[in-house]
Each structure stands twice: as structure tokens, then as C-alpha cells.
Amino acid sequence: MYLEMKNISKTFPGVKALQNVDFSIDEGEVVALLGENGAGKSTLMNVLGGVVKKDDGQIFINGDEVNIRSVSDAQAEGIAFIHQELSLFPQLTVQENLFIDGFITKKGTPFLDKKKMRDKALETLRPFGIEVNPRAKIRNLAMGEQQLVEIAGAILKNSKIIILDEPTTSLSAAECNKLFEIINNLKSEKKLVIFITHDLDKALAISDRIYVQRDGKNVGTDNTKDLTKEVIVSMMVGDKAGKQFAKTPKTIEAEVALEFKNITTKAVKDVSIKVRQGEVLGMYGLIGSGRTELIHALYGLDKIRSGEVFVNGKQVKKFTPQRMMQMGVAYLTENRRDEGLFLELGVNVNISATAMNKLRHGLLRLISSKKDLQMTQNAIDGLRIVVPSPYQLAGKLSGGNQQKVVLGKWLHLDPHVFILDEPTRGIDVGAKNEIYRLIDEIAGSGVAIIFISSEIEEVIGMSDRLIVMAHGQVVAELEQADINNENVIRYTMS
């Protein structure tokens, strides 16, 4: 084998991301790397690509052991990693991005030879069928075109090993077919292509072999021609069933608290969803499925092109964060540090930020420090926030306690609907269990909850009903008896 990774291990705080993983690929081969979110596949490739350092294990290229400690080390070994989140410079042109690591200059001068750059760019892009001006700004290209430009850049550098992380998510059917043609050309040139994907059909269509990872371990590899979707799903799921998530069993027969009717935005199409009082409605989907974009539209962060939204039977006419707060819809965003907290301010300020009107008093409408402190202390006690003082800076807290502060700033508003987007991301196991307990208590008080998560086990374990989204649409609505790993993965990858 041209590339071999042996016994690769990597641990992040509280998480064993990789446990003695083996991986190999030979010249002229396409290997698909599959697994659920959190299976460790991206971490394994981040080790190979020099993004993170392995804790243990060995990497061999063409029989020689190599020590990859950085992205530049990986590039020197002929490894190109095209990430799902593109690393192009949007303000620069296509040709400037292609030659960013080595501009072509006029002989004997430091000045750019833009004509040679343009001609070389056209030569590189021609096989991709991209009809763009090399002098066009990247930001003006469609996402699929940007994806192909980045792949073209890897080929321009004459990389031997090319890692593609979810390369088809932004591509049209025609662009995807063109990508597959390019991959087959790379095979004929004895390049090695590692194809990370959640799309089983595309994995089966383009790969020679398939590796499956689960819980940071390699659980099997085989020739693609000998595998079926059913076998792959079984390998990905194993015997996990979400049983570790204890929640109060209940039958939901209450009134509808939030309803989407035929909602269409730039990212979602004709989505209709209901969530009832006291219900935990799980929402699962891969990146690009439209789940977060749907909530952004509800909160006025994305434009709703058509459709209707009702809160407790009352139609929403104006979509802004302020209006949704007034109607009793709380939203815990997926990025608490950038969107949910004032990191350089105290816990008290963060918790009371949504309730300034409640805290004002007197003719001058000044903030009552006494009321502010009482509100903060109530949240600290009720949510069991571990903090030395109500005035402790939010940025100094652990991830779990930060998340509880974000919950606290909404709960004192007594919301009718609570939308939780990735509420356990980046927190340890103990803190996760605390968040699960709080979610169960909040739902038990009659609050409707939309629970969005990329962790399939928790969304299964916590949901009374589960929505699966893909390509901006609802592809499945599962009742309790049908909520299991196999069904969720099957619909996600349909």
C-alpha cells in the first residue's frame, strides 16, 4: 500500500476521538470513508492532513515512515485536503487563489505575470468544465464552482494524495458527474483519492473500497462491489440504540405551540412542521440539510419567501428576534460563544440581557441591581450553574456552565417554545447529562422544544417525535416506535 496509517490514536479533552485506527490506500484507488457524525473520520483525515497531531501511531508513505506535524508537512508529502468548509479567499480572483502558494512572476522581476497565470488557470480549469473568467472574484462564483476551483488547486499543486471531505454537498447533479469524471482521471494517473461522505449512493458509485468508522474505531473495510447500503448502515450503527438517555415517557396530546406551514426560503423548500406543548421534537440532518436555516428564517435572520408560521395559533406577521421573544419563542443558537454570550461580561449581565424592561424602575427607568442579582441567583440555583460569583465573567466558565447561562437568560421569560440548536456541543459527558435533565424538566413544564442535534444517539434518546431533513426538505417524520438509528440514517442518506 502506498499510504498506511497504523494504530492512530487521538484524544481531545473528555473524548477519545481515535482509538488505534488503521487505514490504507494504494495508488490509483478511491477509498470512501464513512461513519456517523462523531465517528472520527474527519479527525483521522485531519491527522493525515496535518491539521491536528496524533497522540500515537505511525504513518507510512511509499514504505517510509513520515512525521506529519503541520499542514505544510502534509503538503510537502504530496497531501492535499479539500475541507467541506472551503478555504478560498473570497476577495481574491480565481487565478490568485489557484496560485496563492506560488505566484507566477515576470522573469527577473517581483511583478506578477497575470497573463501566464490566466493561461495556466484556464488550462487547469478546462477539464472541470468551469466556464468562469480566471480574473473573476471567488465570492461571485456559485458554491459548486468554488468547490471545483479548490479541487483544481490541489491538482495544480500535483498532489499525490487528495482528501475530499463531503465534496458533493454543494454540487449540482451535472457538477457531481463532472467531479466523478475528474476522480476517475486522477485514478488513471495513479493518484490516491480519499472520499469522506454521508451519501452512501455516491460512495458506492465512485469508490473501490469502503472504510467504516464508529466511535473512533475502524469497524470494517471491504471492496465496494461486495457491500450494500444495508450492510454499511448496519456497520455504522452497530448495537447502539440511545438507551442511555433517560427521559420521562409521555403521550403528547396538547395544543400545537408552533407550526410551520409550507415554508420556503433560500435554503428550505415547502417545509411543514408542528410541535406541541410539552413535546420534544427532535430535528436531525447533515450540514446543508436546512435545519438551522429554517430556524434562522423564523427568527428573521433569513427571509421567508412563502408560507406561514403560527405561535399558539396566532399567525406571525413580522419575523424579528424581538418579535419572536415577545411571542414566547426562545432560541439557543448553535454557537454559544459568538452568538449566545457576552464573554467579557458577568454572568448576571448575560442572564438579564433579555429582560432589561423587567429590571427597570423609577422615573429614570434605571436598572435595579437588586432585581438583577435576584434574577441571576434564581438562574444559578435552578440550573445548578457552578460559578464563584454572579459577577464572574462568562468567558471564564466551563462549556457546560456557559450553556446553562444561555438557558438561564431565556427561561426567566417563561417561553412557550424553546429551540435548542446543538445544546450539548463542546461540553463534557457530565454536563451533557445535566442538559438532558434540564430539557426533560422544561418539556415537563409544558414548554414545546425543538431539539436540533448532529449527535444521532442524543436526538434519538431525547425525542418524543423526530424530523429528518435533507436537501432543504423534511424527508421523514418518525413517531416514537419508529425512532431508531437505522431509520434515521436510512432517511438521512436517501
Protein backbone atom coordinates (compact mmCIF):
# COMPACT_ATOMS: atom_id res chain seq x y z
CA MET A 1 0.00 0.00 0.00
CA TYR A 2 1.28 3.47 -0.88
CA LEU A 3 -0.25 5.09 2.23
CA GLU A 4 -0.64 3.28 5.56
CA MET A 5 -1.82 4.68 8.88
CA LYS A 6 -1.28 2.27 11.78
CA ASN A 7 -2.71 2.38 15.30
CA ILE A 8 -3.58 6.07 15.11
CA SER A 9 -4.96 7.47 18.38
CA LYS A 10 -6.11 10.95 19.28
CA THR A 11 -7.76 12.22 22.45
CA PHE A 12 -9.38 15.60 22.96
CA PRO A 13 -10.48 16.74 26.44
CA GLY A 14 -13.06 14.18 27.54
CA VAL A 15 -13.28 12.47 24.13
CA LYS A 16 -11.32 9.58 22.61
CA ALA A 17 -11.68 10.67 19.00
CA LEU A 18 -9.50 7.89 17.55
CA GLN A 19 -8.59 4.57 19.13
CA ASN A 20 -5.86 2.54 17.38
CA VAL A 21 -7.25 3.16 13.90
CA ASP A 22 -5.70 1.56 10.81
CA PHE A 23 -6.22 2.94 7.31
CA SER A 24 -4.58 2.23 3.97
CA ILE A 25 -4.94 3.17 0.31
CA ASP A 26 -2.92 2.31 -2.79
CA GLU A 27 -2.03 4.17 -5.96
CA GLY A 28 -4.90 4.58 -8.40
CA GLU A 29 -7.50 3.78 -5.72
CA VAL A 30 -10.54 5.67 -4.44
CA VAL A 31 -11.47 4.83 -0.86
CA ALA A 32 -14.68 6.11 0.73
CA LEU A 33 -14.53 6.84 4.47
CA LEU A 34 -17.94 6.54 6.10
CA GLY A 35 -19.42 6.92 9.56
CA GLU A 36 -21.95 8.85 11.60
CA ASN A 37 -21.24 12.34 12.90
CA GLY A 38 -18.60 11.98 15.59
CA ALA A 39 -17.31 8.64 14.30
CA GLY A 40 -13.79 10.08 13.95
CA LYS A 41 -13.41 10.06 10.17
CA SER A 42 -12.65 13.78 9.87
CA THR A 43 -10.26 13.59 12.82
CA LEU A 44 -8.37 10.75 11.13
CA MET A 45 -8.01 12.80 7.97
CA ASN A 46 -7.09 15.90 10.00
CA VAL A 47 -4.19 13.86 11.37
CA LEU A 48 -3.14 12.88 7.85
CA GLY A 49 -3.60 16.46 6.62
CA GLY A 50 -1.55 17.95 9.48
CA VAL A 51 -4.48 19.86 10.98
CA VAL A 52 -4.14 18.03 14.31
CA LYS A 53 -1.27 16.00 15.74
CA LYS A 54 -1.75 12.32 16.51
CA ASP A 55 -1.11 11.14 20.06
CA ASP A 56 0.13 7.73 18.96
CA GLY A 57 0.59 5.58 15.87
CA GLN A 58 2.59 5.64 12.64
CA ILE A 59 2.10 6.96 9.10
CA PHE A 60 3.93 5.43 6.13
CA ILE A 61 4.07 6.87 2.61
CA ASN A 62 5.56 4.66 -0.09
CA GLY A 63 7.14 2.50 2.61
CA ASP A 64 8.83 5.31 4.53
CA GLU A 65 7.61 6.50 7.93
CA VAL A 66 6.73 10.20 7.94
CA ASN A 67 6.10 12.61 10.78
CA ILE A 68 3.28 14.98 9.88
CA ARG A 69 3.11 17.80 12.42
CA SER A 70 1.55 20.58 10.35
CA VAL A 71 -0.35 21.35 7.17
CA SER A 72 2.91 22.33 5.49
CA ASP A 73 4.40 18.94 6.43
CA ALA A 74 1.41 17.23 4.81
CA GLN A 75 1.70 19.35 1.66
CA ALA A 76 5.40 18.52 1.43
CA GLU A 77 4.41 14.83 1.40
CA GLY A 78 2.02 15.45 -1.50
CA ILE A 79 -1.18 15.53 0.57
CA ALA A 80 -3.98 17.95 -0.31
CA PHE A 81 -7.01 18.25 1.99
CA ILE A 82 -10.11 19.90 0.49
CA HIS A 83 -12.29 20.60 3.50
CA GLN A 84 -16.08 20.82 3.49
CA GLU A 85 -15.72 24.43 4.64
CA LEU A 86 -13.77 25.88 1.75
CA SER A 87 -10.50 27.71 2.43
CA LEU A 88 -10.58 30.01 -0.60
CA PHE A 89 -10.06 33.77 -0.27
CA PRO A 90 -13.39 35.22 -1.46
CA GLN A 91 -12.00 38.70 -2.09
CA LEU A 92 -9.30 37.38 -4.46
CA THR A 93 -9.70 36.19 -8.04
CA VAL A 94 -9.86 32.59 -9.23
CA GLN A 95 -6.30 32.69 -10.57
CA GLU A 96 -4.96 34.37 -7.43
CA ASN A 97 -6.47 31.58 -5.32
CA LEU A 98 -5.04 28.91 -7.60
CA PHE A 99 -1.51 30.35 -7.30
CA ILE A 100 -1.71 31.60 -3.71
CA ASP A 101 1.19 29.34 -2.67
CA GLY A 102 3.41 30.43 -5.56
CA PHE A 103 2.52 33.31 -7.81
CA ILE A 104 3.96 33.37 -11.34
CA THR A 105 6.16 36.44 -11.77
CA LYS A 106 7.67 38.12 -14.79
CA LYS A 107 11.21 36.94 -15.43
CA GLY A 108 13.74 38.76 -13.30
CA THR A 109 11.12 40.89 -11.52
CA PRO A 110 8.85 40.62 -8.46
CA PHE A 111 5.82 41.61 -10.55
CA LEU A 112 3.00 39.17 -11.26
CA ASP A 113 2.75 37.73 -14.76
CA LYS A 114 -1.02 37.87 -14.91
CA LYS A 115 -1.22 36.62 -18.49
CA LYS A 116 0.72 33.44 -17.68
CA MET A 117 -1.38 32.99 -14.53
CA ARG A 118 -4.57 33.37 -16.56
CA ASP A 119 -3.39 30.92 -19.25
CA LYS A 120 -2.31 28.34 -16.66
CA ALA A 121 -5.56 28.80 -14.74
CA LEU A 122 -7.60 28.20 -17.91
CA GLU A 123 -5.54 25.09 -18.65
CA THR A 124 -6.15 23.78 -15.14
CA LEU A 125 -9.87 24.59 -15.07
CA ARG A 126 -10.66 23.31 -18.58
CA PRO A 127 -11.07 19.63 -17.57
CA PHE A 128 -13.54 20.72 -14.88
CA GLY A 129 -15.85 22.30 -17.42
CA ILE A 130 -15.94 25.52 -15.37
CA GLU A 131 -16.87 28.42 -17.63
CA VAL A 132 -15.51 31.24 -15.48
CA ASN A 133 -13.13 34.10 -16.03
CA PRO A 134 -9.93 33.39 -14.06
CA ARG A 135 -9.98 37.05 -13.07
CA ALA A 136 -13.44 36.76 -11.50
CA LYS A 137 -13.68 37.17 -7.73
CA ILE A 138 -14.29 33.92 -5.86
CA ARG A 139 -17.19 35.50 -3.95
CA ASN A 140 -19.05 35.97 -7.24
CA LEU A 141 -18.98 32.25 -8.11
CA ALA A 142 -21.66 29.71 -7.26
CA MET A 143 -20.78 27.42 -4.35
CA GLY A 144 -20.39 24.43 -6.67
CA GLU A 145 -17.94 26.36 -8.83
CA GLN A 146 -15.95 27.37 -5.77
CA GLN A 147 -15.74 23.72 -4.72
CA LEU A 148 -14.36 22.71 -8.11
CA VAL A 149 -11.86 25.60 -8.08
CA GLU A 150 -10.45 24.36 -4.77
CA ILE A 151 -10.12 20.81 -6.11
CA ALA A 152 -8.46 22.21 -9.23
CA GLY A 153 -5.97 23.97 -6.97
CA ALA A 154 -4.97 20.66 -5.39
CA ILE A 155 -4.41 19.14 -8.82
CA LEU A 156 -2.38 22.18 -9.91
CA LYS A 157 -0.01 21.52 -6.99
CA ASN A 158 0.45 17.98 -8.34
CA SER A 159 -0.67 16.44 -5.05
CA LYS A 160 -0.40 12.65 -4.89
CA ILE A 161 -2.93 12.07 -2.09
CA ILE A 162 -6.18 14.04 -2.31
CA ILE A 163 -8.65 14.09 0.59
CA LEU A 164 -12.17 15.24 -0.30
CA ASP A 165 -14.40 16.00 2.70
CA GLU A 166 -18.08 15.97 1.64
CA PRO A 167 -17.17 17.26 -1.84
CA THR A 168 -20.63 16.81 -3.38
CA THR A 169 -22.83 18.67 -0.87
CA SER A 170 -22.68 21.93 -2.82
CA LEU A 171 -22.64 20.43 -6.31
CA SER A 172 -25.47 20.09 -8.81
CA ALA A 173 -26.04 16.73 -10.50
CA ALA A 174 -24.08 17.89 -13.56
CA GLU A 175 -21.21 19.21 -11.41
CA CYS A 176 -21.18 15.96 -9.43
CA ASN A 177 -20.90 13.94 -12.65
CA LYS A 178 -18.02 16.17 -13.73
CA LEU A 179 -16.32 15.63 -10.35
CA PHE A 180 -16.63 11.86 -10.77
CA GLU A 181 -15.03 12.13 -14.22
CA ILE A 182 -12.14 14.05 -12.67
CA ILE A 183 -11.75 11.48 -9.88
CA ASN A 184 -11.60 8.70 -12.45
CA ASN A 185 -8.93 10.66 -14.35
CA LEU A 186 -6.97 11.01 -11.11
CA LYS A 187 -7.17 7.24 -10.68
CA SER A 188 -5.72 6.72 -14.14
CA GLU A 189 -2.82 9.00 -13.13
CA LYS A 190 -2.20 6.78 -10.07
CA LYS A 191 -3.37 9.44 -7.62
CA LEU A 192 -4.92 8.37 -4.30
CA VAL A 193 -8.36 9.79 -3.53
CA ILE A 194 -9.94 9.60 -0.06
CA PHE A 195 -13.64 10.42 -0.25
CA ILE A 196 -15.36 11.36 3.03
CA THR A 197 -19.13 11.41 2.61
CA HIS A 198 -22.52 10.80 4.19
CA ASP A 199 -24.03 9.98 0.80
CA LEU A 200 -24.00 6.19 0.51
CA ASP A 201 -25.14 6.18 -3.11
CA LYS A 202 -22.21 8.36 -4.16
CA ALA A 203 -19.79 6.31 -2.06
CA LEU A 204 -20.97 3.13 -3.76
CA ALA A 205 -20.80 4.79 -7.17
CA ILE A 206 -17.25 6.18 -7.07
CA SER A 207 -15.17 4.14 -4.60
CA ASP A 208 -13.11 0.96 -4.97
CA ARG A 209 -13.13 0.23 -1.25
CA ILE A 210 -15.08 1.47 1.75
CA TYR A 211 -13.88 2.02 5.32
CA VAL A 212 -16.47 2.42 8.08
CA GLN A 213 -15.71 4.07 11.41
CA ARG A 214 -17.78 4.09 14.59
CA ASP A 215 -16.98 5.67 17.97
CA GLY A 216 -13.41 6.47 16.97
CA LYS A 217 -12.64 2.93 15.80
CA ASN A 218 -12.39 1.24 12.42
CA VAL A 219 -15.21 -1.33 12.32
CA GLY A 220 -14.64 -2.74 8.87
CA THR A 221 -13.41 -2.36 5.32
CA ASP A 222 -14.30 -4.21 2.15
CA ASN A 223 -14.36 -3.91 -1.61
CA THR A 224 -17.25 -1.68 -2.64
CA LYS A 225 -18.63 -4.29 -5.06
CA ASP A 226 -19.13 -6.67 -2.13
CA LEU A 227 -21.13 -4.20 0.01
CA THR A 228 -24.73 -2.97 0.06
CA LYS A 229 -26.31 0.08 1.68
CA GLU A 230 -27.97 -2.15 4.26
CA VAL A 231 -24.67 -3.74 5.28
CA ILE A 232 -22.94 -0.35 5.50
CA VAL A 233 -25.73 1.13 7.65
CA SER A 234 -25.53 -1.87 9.97
CA MET A 235 -21.77 -1.36 10.35
CA MET A 236 -22.25 2.35 11.07
CA VAL A 237 -24.99 1.80 13.66
CA GLY A 238 -23.79 -1.31 15.50
CA ASP A 239 -25.91 -2.11 18.54
CA LYS A 240 -26.41 1.50 19.70
CA ALA A 241 -29.99 2.46 20.47
CA GLY A 242 -29.82 5.62 22.53
CA LYS A 243 -30.84 3.77 25.71
CA GLN A 244 -28.56 5.84 27.93
CA PHE A 245 -30.84 8.88 27.61
CA ALA A 246 -33.36 8.79 30.41
CA LYS A 247 -36.39 10.97 29.81
CA THR A 248 -39.93 10.96 31.12
CA PRO A 249 -42.18 8.84 28.89
CA LYS A 250 -45.29 10.72 27.83
CA THR A 251 -48.12 10.84 25.35
CA ILE A 252 -48.38 14.20 23.65
CA GLU A 253 -51.97 15.32 23.10
CA ALA A 254 -51.63 19.02 23.95
CA GLU A 255 -52.27 22.04 21.75
CA VAL A 256 -49.89 22.97 18.95
CA ALA A 257 -47.42 25.58 20.20
CA LEU A 258 -45.50 26.24 16.96
CA GLU A 259 -46.44 25.42 13.38
CA PHE A 260 -44.65 25.92 10.08
CA LYS A 261 -46.90 25.73 7.01
CA ASN A 262 -45.27 25.26 3.60
CA ILE A 263 -42.24 27.38 4.47
CA THR A 264 -39.87 28.13 1.60
CA THR A 265 -36.64 30.13 1.93
CA LYS A 266 -33.37 30.19 0.02
CA ALA A 267 -32.29 27.05 1.87
CA VAL A 268 -35.55 25.13 2.54
CA LYS A 269 -38.48 24.18 0.36
CA ASP A 270 -42.11 23.64 1.35
CA VAL A 271 -41.45 22.61 4.97
CA SER A 272 -44.42 21.93 7.24
CA ILE A 273 -43.80 21.06 10.91
CA LYS A 274 -45.85 21.09 14.15
CA VAL A 275 -44.59 20.90 17.72
CA ARG A 276 -46.99 20.59 20.67
CA GLN A 277 -46.84 21.90 24.21
CA GLY A 278 -44.61 19.67 26.36
CA GLU A 279 -43.23 17.83 23.33
CA VAL A 280 -39.57 17.38 22.45
CA LEU A 281 -39.43 17.40 18.66
CA GLY A 282 -36.03 16.20 17.50
CA MET A 283 -34.60 17.54 14.28
CA TYR A 284 -31.75 15.71 12.58
CA GLY A 285 -29.92 16.38 9.35
CA LEU A 286 -26.45 16.75 7.93
CA ILE A 287 -24.75 20.05 7.13
CA GLY A 288 -26.73 21.64 4.32
CA SER A 289 -29.97 19.88 5.23
CA GLY A 290 -31.63 23.22 6.06
CA ARG A 291 -32.46 22.56 9.70
CA THR A 292 -30.64 25.60 11.16
CA GLU A 293 -31.62 27.78 8.19
CA LEU A 294 -35.28 27.03 8.92
CA ILE A 295 -34.91 28.41 12.44
CA HIS A 296 -32.93 31.39 11.17
CA ALA A 297 -35.91 32.25 8.98
CA LEU A 298 -38.27 32.01 11.95
CA TYR A 299 -36.11 34.49 13.85
CA GLY A 300 -35.86 36.86 10.92
CA LEU A 301 -32.22 36.03 10.17
CA ASP A 302 -33.13 34.59 6.74
CA LYS A 303 -36.00 35.71 4.53
CA ILE A 304 -39.16 33.60 4.24
CA ARG A 305 -40.22 33.59 0.60
CA SER A 306 -43.55 31.87 1.12
CA GLY A 307 -45.54 30.01 3.78
CA GLU A 308 -46.97 30.78 7.21
CA VAL A 309 -45.88 30.46 10.84
CA PHE A 310 -48.20 30.22 13.85
CA VAL A 311 -47.32 30.50 17.54
CA ASN A 312 -50.07 29.21 19.84
CA GLY A 313 -52.50 29.55 16.93
CA LYS A 314 -51.60 33.19 16.20
CA GLN A 315 -50.01 33.91 12.84
CA VAL A 316 -46.62 35.60 12.90
CA LYS A 317 -46.59 38.66 10.66
CA LYS A 318 -43.18 40.09 11.47
CA PHE A 319 -40.09 37.94 11.78
CA THR A 320 -37.50 39.59 14.03
CA PRO A 321 -35.72 38.37 17.16
CA GLN A 322 -37.59 40.97 19.22
CA ARG A 323 -40.99 39.89 17.87
CA MET A 324 -40.27 36.20 18.43
CA MET A 325 -39.19 36.92 22.01
CA GLN A 326 -42.46 38.82 22.57
CA MET A 327 -44.40 35.82 21.25
CA GLY A 328 -42.59 33.49 23.66
CA VAL A 329 -40.16 31.76 21.30
CA ALA A 330 -36.67 31.32 22.76
CA TYR A 331 -33.66 30.34 20.64
CA LEU A 332 -30.42 28.85 21.90
CA THR A 333 -28.06 29.15 18.92
CA GLU A 334 -25.52 26.51 17.90
CA ASN A 335 -22.55 28.85 18.51
CA ARG A 336 -22.88 29.98 22.11
CA ARG A 337 -19.51 31.78 22.28
CA ASP A 338 -20.11 34.03 19.26
CA GLU A 339 -23.89 34.31 19.25
CA GLY A 340 -25.15 33.41 22.73
CA LEU A 341 -22.90 35.09 25.27
CA PHE A 342 -21.10 38.30 26.13
CA LEU A 343 -17.87 36.56 27.09
CA GLU A 344 -16.23 39.63 28.61
CA LEU A 345 -19.26 40.47 30.79
CA GLY A 346 -20.51 38.90 34.00
CA VAL A 347 -22.95 36.03 34.37
CA ASN A 348 -25.51 38.49 35.77
CA VAL A 349 -25.38 40.69 32.65
CA ASN A 350 -25.69 37.66 30.36
CA ILE A 351 -28.69 36.26 32.21
CA SER A 352 -30.54 39.57 32.48
CA ALA A 353 -29.76 40.72 28.91
CA THR A 354 -33.15 39.54 27.65
CA ALA A 355 -35.11 41.15 30.49
CA MET A 356 -33.97 44.76 30.77
CA ASN A 357 -37.54 46.08 30.87
CA LYS A 358 -38.34 43.84 33.84
CA LEU A 359 -35.39 45.26 35.76
CA ARG A 360 -36.04 48.97 35.19
CA HIS A 361 -37.64 51.06 37.94
CA GLY A 362 -38.36 54.66 38.91
CA LEU A 363 -38.87 57.71 36.75
CA LEU A 364 -35.44 57.39 35.16
CA ARG A 365 -36.06 53.73 34.32
CA LEU A 366 -32.70 52.66 35.72
CA ILE A 367 -31.70 49.03 36.07
CA SER A 368 -32.38 47.69 39.58
CA SER A 369 -29.19 45.98 40.75
CA LYS A 370 -31.22 44.17 43.40
CA LYS A 371 -33.62 42.69 40.85
CA ASP A 372 -30.70 41.89 38.56
CA LEU A 373 -28.91 39.98 41.30
CA GLN A 374 -32.08 38.12 42.34
CA MET A 375 -32.80 37.06 38.74
CA THR A 376 -29.23 35.83 38.35
CA GLN A 377 -29.26 33.95 41.64
CA ASN A 378 -32.55 32.24 40.72
CA ALA A 379 -30.97 31.00 37.47
CA ILE A 380 -27.81 29.86 39.23
CA ASP A 381 -29.81 27.90 41.80
CA GLY A 382 -32.39 26.49 39.40
CA LEU A 383 -29.91 25.43 36.72
CA ARG A 384 -27.13 24.43 39.13
CA ILE A 385 -24.62 26.74 37.48
CA VAL A 386 -21.23 26.29 39.10
CA VAL A 387 -19.87 29.80 39.46
CA PRO A 388 -17.88 31.54 42.23
CA SER A 389 -19.86 34.76 41.89
CA PRO A 390 -22.84 36.12 39.91
CA TYR A 391 -20.38 38.65 38.51
CA GLN A 392 -17.93 36.04 37.17
CA LEU A 393 -17.05 36.67 33.50
CA ALA A 394 -18.97 34.27 31.25
CA GLY A 395 -15.84 33.55 29.21
CA LYS A 396 -14.16 32.06 32.27
CA LEU A 397 -16.78 29.34 32.78
CA SER A 398 -16.63 25.76 31.53
CA GLY A 399 -18.56 24.91 28.37
CA GLY A 400 -21.36 23.22 30.30
CA ASN A 401 -21.84 26.15 32.63
CA GLN A 402 -21.75 28.59 29.74
CA GLN A 403 -24.57 26.64 28.12
CA LYS A 404 -26.58 26.80 31.34
CA VAL A 405 -26.11 30.58 31.41
CA VAL A 406 -27.55 30.77 27.89
CA LEU A 407 -30.51 28.66 29.04
CA GLY A 408 -30.92 30.91 32.06
CA LYS A 409 -31.21 34.09 30.03
CA TRP A 410 -34.24 32.62 28.25
CA LEU A 411 -36.02 30.70 30.99
CA HIS A 412 -36.93 33.74 33.09
CA LEU A 413 -39.03 34.89 30.11
CA ASP A 414 -41.26 31.81 30.55
CA PRO A 415 -41.16 30.87 26.84
CA HIS A 416 -43.89 28.81 25.16
CA VAL A 417 -41.39 27.38 22.65
CA PHE A 418 -37.70 26.66 23.19
CA ILE A 419 -35.50 25.98 20.17
CA LEU A 420 -32.21 24.31 21.12
CA ASP A 421 -29.63 24.13 18.33
CA GLU A 422 -26.74 21.80 19.26
CA PRO A 423 -27.21 22.40 23.01
CA THR A 424 -24.53 19.88 24.06
CA ARG A 425 -21.83 20.76 21.53
CA GLY A 426 -18.39 21.10 23.11
CA ILE A 427 -19.31 20.08 26.65
CA ASP A 428 -18.27 17.05 28.67
CA VAL A 429 -20.35 13.97 29.43
CA GLY A 430 -21.39 15.09 32.90
CA ALA A 431 -22.54 18.48 31.63
CA LYS A 432 -24.43 16.77 28.81
CA ASN A 433 -26.39 14.71 31.29
CA GLU A 434 -27.26 17.90 33.18
CA ILE A 435 -28.51 19.50 29.95
CA TYR A 436 -30.61 16.40 29.17
CA ARG A 437 -32.15 16.62 32.65
CA LEU A 438 -32.96 20.28 32.15
CA ILE A 439 -34.54 19.63 28.75
CA ASP A 440 -36.76 16.95 30.28
CA GLU A 441 -37.78 19.32 33.10
CA ILE A 442 -38.51 22.20 30.71
CA ALA A 443 -40.66 19.98 28.49
CA GLY A 444 -42.39 18.62 31.60
CA SER A 445 -43.49 22.15 32.46
CA GLY A 446 -45.42 22.33 29.17
CA VAL A 447 -42.85 24.14 27.02
CA ALA A 448 -42.60 22.92 23.41
CA ILE A 449 -39.00 22.09 22.48
CA ILE A 450 -37.33 21.76 19.10
CA PHE A 451 -34.11 19.84 19.72
CA ILE A 452 -31.58 20.10 16.88
CA SER A 453 -28.52 17.89 17.12
CA SER A 454 -25.81 16.33 14.97
CA GLU A 455 -25.37 13.53 17.54
CA ILE A 456 -27.74 10.84 16.42
CA GLU A 457 -27.82 8.98 19.74
CA GLU A 458 -28.89 12.00 21.76
CA VAL A 459 -31.51 13.22 19.32
CA ILE A 460 -32.99 9.71 19.29
CA GLY A 461 -32.77 9.35 23.05
CA MET A 462 -34.37 12.71 23.83
CA SER A 463 -37.12 13.00 21.20
CA ASP A 464 -40.83 12.27 21.51
CA ARG A 465 -41.04 12.68 17.75
CA LEU A 466 -38.25 13.11 15.20
CA ILE A 467 -38.00 15.08 11.96
CA VAL A 468 -35.26 14.14 9.46
CA MET A 469 -34.23 16.82 6.98
CA ALA A 470 -32.15 16.54 3.81
CA HIS A 471 -31.58 18.91 0.90
CA GLY A 472 -33.81 21.56 2.48
CA GLN A 473 -36.83 19.32 2.89
CA VAL A 474 -38.43 17.07 5.50
CA VAL A 475 -37.75 13.53 4.30
CA ALA A 476 -39.20 11.69 7.29
CA GLU A 477 -41.32 12.26 10.39
CA LEU A 478 -40.81 9.43 12.86
CA GLU A 479 -43.10 8.61 15.78
CA GLN A 480 -41.67 7.13 18.95
CA ALA A 481 -41.93 3.47 17.90
CA ASP A 482 -40.01 4.16 14.68
CA ILE A 483 -37.23 6.30 16.14
CA ASN A 484 -34.04 4.27 15.86
CA ASN A 485 -30.55 4.64 14.40
CA GLU A 486 -31.19 2.58 11.31
CA ASN A 487 -34.30 4.50 10.26
CA VAL A 488 -32.68 7.89 10.88
CA ILE A 489 -29.55 7.03 8.90
CA ARG A 490 -31.56 5.44 6.08
CA TYR A 491 -33.68 8.55 5.61
CA THR A 492 -30.74 10.91 6.07
CA MET A 493 -28.83 9.22 3.27
CA SER A 494 -31.80 8.58 0.99
